[in-house]
Amino acid sequence: MSADAETYDLRGLTCPLPVLRASKRLAGMPSGALLWVETTDPLAVIDIPAFCKDNGHNLRESYGVEGGHRFLIERG
């Protein structure tokens, strides 16, 4: 896990809220900043990578955890 990354707990939220909230949080961060996003929404495995690709962010890591997923996003 990246020690310099913030963690944003979006567990319990459903589509489209995880992407919308992650977008808002990333908008307030400098380019190159890292953000761990934690979700329980099963659609996040589709939505978060698509969001990163469409908005110029780098999805550095993505993996399943008990009850959800974690994504490490580098702000573009």
Protein backbone atom coordinates (compact mmCIF):
# COMPACT_ATOMS: atom_id res chain seq x y z
CA MET A 1 0.00 0.00 0.00
CA SER A 2 1.27 3.48 -0.84
CA ALA A 3 2.05 5.36 2.36
CA ASP A 4 1.63 8.78 0.74
CA ALA A 5 -1.88 8.06 -0.59
CA GLU A 6 -5.07 9.29 1.06
CA THR A 7 -7.89 6.79 1.56
CA TYR A 8 -11.44 7.66 0.57
CA ASP A 9 -14.08 5.31 2.02
CA LEU A 10 -17.01 5.09 -0.39
CA ARG A 11 -18.30 1.77 0.90
CA GLY A 12 -22.07 1.54 1.02
CA LEU A 13 -22.60 3.94 -1.88
CA THR A 14 -24.06 2.78 -5.18
CA CYS A 15 -23.62 3.91 -8.77
CA PRO A 16 -23.06 6.70 -9.70
CA LEU A 17 -22.02 8.08 -6.29
CA PRO A 18 -18.58 6.39 -6.00
CA VAL A 19 -17.43 7.91 -9.30
CA LEU A 20 -18.99 11.31 -8.60
CA ARG A 21 -17.43 11.58 -5.14
CA ALA A 22 -14.04 10.28 -6.30
CA SER A 23 -14.11 12.84 -9.11
CA LYS A 24 -14.83 15.67 -6.69
CA ARG A 25 -12.09 14.56 -4.27
CA LEU A 26 -9.51 14.20 -7.06
CA ALA A 27 -10.39 17.64 -8.44
CA GLY A 28 -9.11 19.17 -5.20
CA MET A 29 -5.81 17.29 -5.30
CA PRO A 30 -2.61 18.21 -7.16
CA SER A 31 -1.54 16.35 -10.28
CA GLY A 32 0.33 13.17 -9.37
CA ALA A 33 -1.41 12.81 -5.98
CA LEU A 34 -2.50 9.31 -5.00
CA LEU A 35 -5.93 8.33 -3.72
CA TRP A 36 -7.11 4.94 -2.50
CA VAL A 37 -10.82 4.53 -3.19
CA GLU A 38 -12.69 1.80 -1.28
CA THR A 39 -16.06 0.66 -2.64
CA THR A 40 -18.68 -2.02 -2.13
CA ASP A 41 -20.62 -1.24 -5.33
CA PRO A 42 -20.11 -4.19 -7.71
CA LEU A 43 -20.29 -1.85 -10.70
CA ALA A 44 -17.25 0.07 -9.48
CA VAL A 45 -14.97 -2.49 -11.16
CA ILE A 46 -16.33 -1.16 -14.47
CA ASP A 47 -17.03 2.45 -13.53
CA ILE A 48 -13.78 3.44 -11.78
CA PRO A 49 -11.42 2.24 -14.55
CA ALA A 50 -13.63 3.90 -17.20
CA PHE A 51 -13.71 7.12 -15.17
CA CYS A 52 -9.90 7.12 -14.88
CA LYS A 53 -9.42 6.49 -18.59
CA ASP A 54 -11.94 9.16 -19.61
CA ASN A 55 -10.50 11.79 -17.26
CA GLY A 56 -6.77 11.25 -17.69
CA HIS A 57 -6.11 9.63 -14.32
CA ASN A 58 -3.83 6.61 -13.89
CA LEU A 59 -5.39 3.55 -12.24
CA ARG A 60 -2.26 2.18 -10.58
CA GLU A 61 -3.81 -0.71 -8.66
CA SER A 62 -7.16 -2.45 -8.44
CA TYR A 63 -8.06 -5.50 -6.43
CA GLY A 64 -10.92 -7.18 -4.66
CA VAL A 65 -11.20 -7.18 -0.88
CA GLU A 66 -13.78 -8.78 1.36
CA GLY A 67 -17.09 -7.16 0.45
CA GLY A 68 -15.74 -4.82 -2.20
CA HIS A 69 -12.81 -3.37 -4.10
CA ARG A 70 -9.88 -1.01 -3.65
CA PHE A 71 -8.51 1.25 -6.34
CA LEU A 72 -5.31 3.31 -6.27
CA ILE A 73 -5.77 6.33 -8.52
CA GLU A 74 -3.04 8.77 -9.48
CA ARG A 75 -4.51 12.15 -10.39
CA GLY A 76 -3.71 13.14 -13.97
